[in-house]
Amino acid sequence: MRGLLIVGVVLILAGVGGLLVNVIPVHHQEQVAKIGPITATKDTETDYVIPPYAGIIAIVIGAGLVFAGRKQA
């Protein structure tokens, strides 16, 4: 089935991307205080770590879906 092939390839690419990029930085801007027309903001950066086993699991599941999709076609 063509849908399984597409989902499998997307999972494989996401898994490889997860293995290559270990950390995703996310920037937040928070309003700390507001006094009349004056506002004070604070910039913070949060790092989200992608564990290596998540990328490996995505690659294995994606390969299984590609194999199953090719077998049905």
Protein backbone atom coordinates (compact mmCIF):
# COMPACT_ATOMS: atom_id res chain seq x y z
CA MET A 1 0.00 0.00 0.00
CA ARG A 2 1.33 3.40 -0.98
CA GLY A 3 0.35 5.04 2.33
CA LEU A 4 2.54 2.67 4.35
CA LEU A 5 5.51 3.45 2.12
CA ILE A 6 5.08 7.20 2.58
CA VAL A 7 4.66 6.95 6.36
CA GLY A 8 7.64 4.59 6.57
CA VAL A 9 9.92 6.91 4.61
CA VAL A 10 8.81 9.89 6.72
CA LEU A 11 9.59 7.95 9.92
CA ILE A 12 13.00 6.94 8.60
CA LEU A 13 13.84 10.55 7.71
CA ALA A 14 12.59 11.77 11.11
CA GLY A 15 14.68 9.12 12.87
CA VAL A 16 17.83 10.08 10.98
CA GLY A 17 17.14 13.74 11.70
CA GLY A 18 16.68 12.95 15.38
CA LEU A 19 20.04 11.18 15.45
CA LEU A 20 21.81 14.05 13.70
CA VAL A 21 20.21 16.88 15.70
CA ASN A 22 20.36 16.01 19.38
CA VAL A 23 18.99 19.24 20.86
CA ILE A 24 16.15 21.51 19.73
CA PRO A 25 16.41 25.02 21.24
CA VAL A 26 13.13 26.87 21.81
CA HIS A 27 13.10 30.59 22.61
CA HIS A 28 10.44 32.10 24.88
CA GLN A 29 9.75 35.75 25.63
CA GLU A 30 7.96 36.29 28.92
CA GLN A 31 6.44 39.49 30.23
CA VAL A 32 7.90 40.05 33.70
CA ALA A 33 6.33 43.36 34.68
CA LYS A 34 4.03 45.98 33.20
CA ILE A 35 3.80 49.42 34.74
CA GLY A 36 1.64 51.73 32.65
CA PRO A 37 2.97 51.87 29.09
CA ILE A 38 6.34 50.35 30.11
CA THR A 39 6.79 46.58 29.95
CA ALA A 40 9.71 44.46 31.02
CA THR A 41 10.31 41.18 29.22
CA LYS A 42 12.70 38.32 29.77
CA ASP A 43 14.10 36.06 27.06
CA THR A 44 14.60 32.43 28.02
CA GLU A 45 15.88 29.50 26.00
CA THR A 46 14.79 25.95 26.70
CA ASP A 47 16.66 23.00 25.19
CA TYR A 48 14.69 19.86 24.38
CA VAL A 49 16.95 16.83 24.14
CA ILE A 50 16.05 14.07 21.67
CA PRO A 51 17.23 10.74 23.10
CA PRO A 52 19.14 8.54 20.62
CA TYR A 53 16.85 5.55 21.20
CA ALA A 54 13.89 7.57 19.88
CA GLY A 55 15.63 8.03 16.52
CA ILE A 56 16.59 4.36 16.35
CA ILE A 57 13.02 3.26 17.15
CA ALA A 58 11.63 5.59 14.46
CA ILE A 59 14.06 4.16 11.87
CA VAL A 60 13.19 0.55 12.77
CA ILE A 61 9.43 1.17 12.67
CA GLY A 62 9.78 3.11 9.41
CA ALA A 63 11.77 0.29 7.81
CA GLY A 64 9.11 -2.18 8.93
CA LEU A 65 6.37 -0.06 7.37
CA VAL A 66 8.32 0.28 4.12
CA PHE A 67 8.84 -3.48 4.03
CA ALA A 68 5.15 -4.13 4.75
CA GLY A 69 4.09 -1.60 2.12
CA ARG A 70 6.29 -3.16 -0.54
CA LYS A 71 5.03 -6.64 0.29
CA GLN A 72 1.37 -5.61 -0.17
CA ALA A 73 1.95 -3.76 -3.45
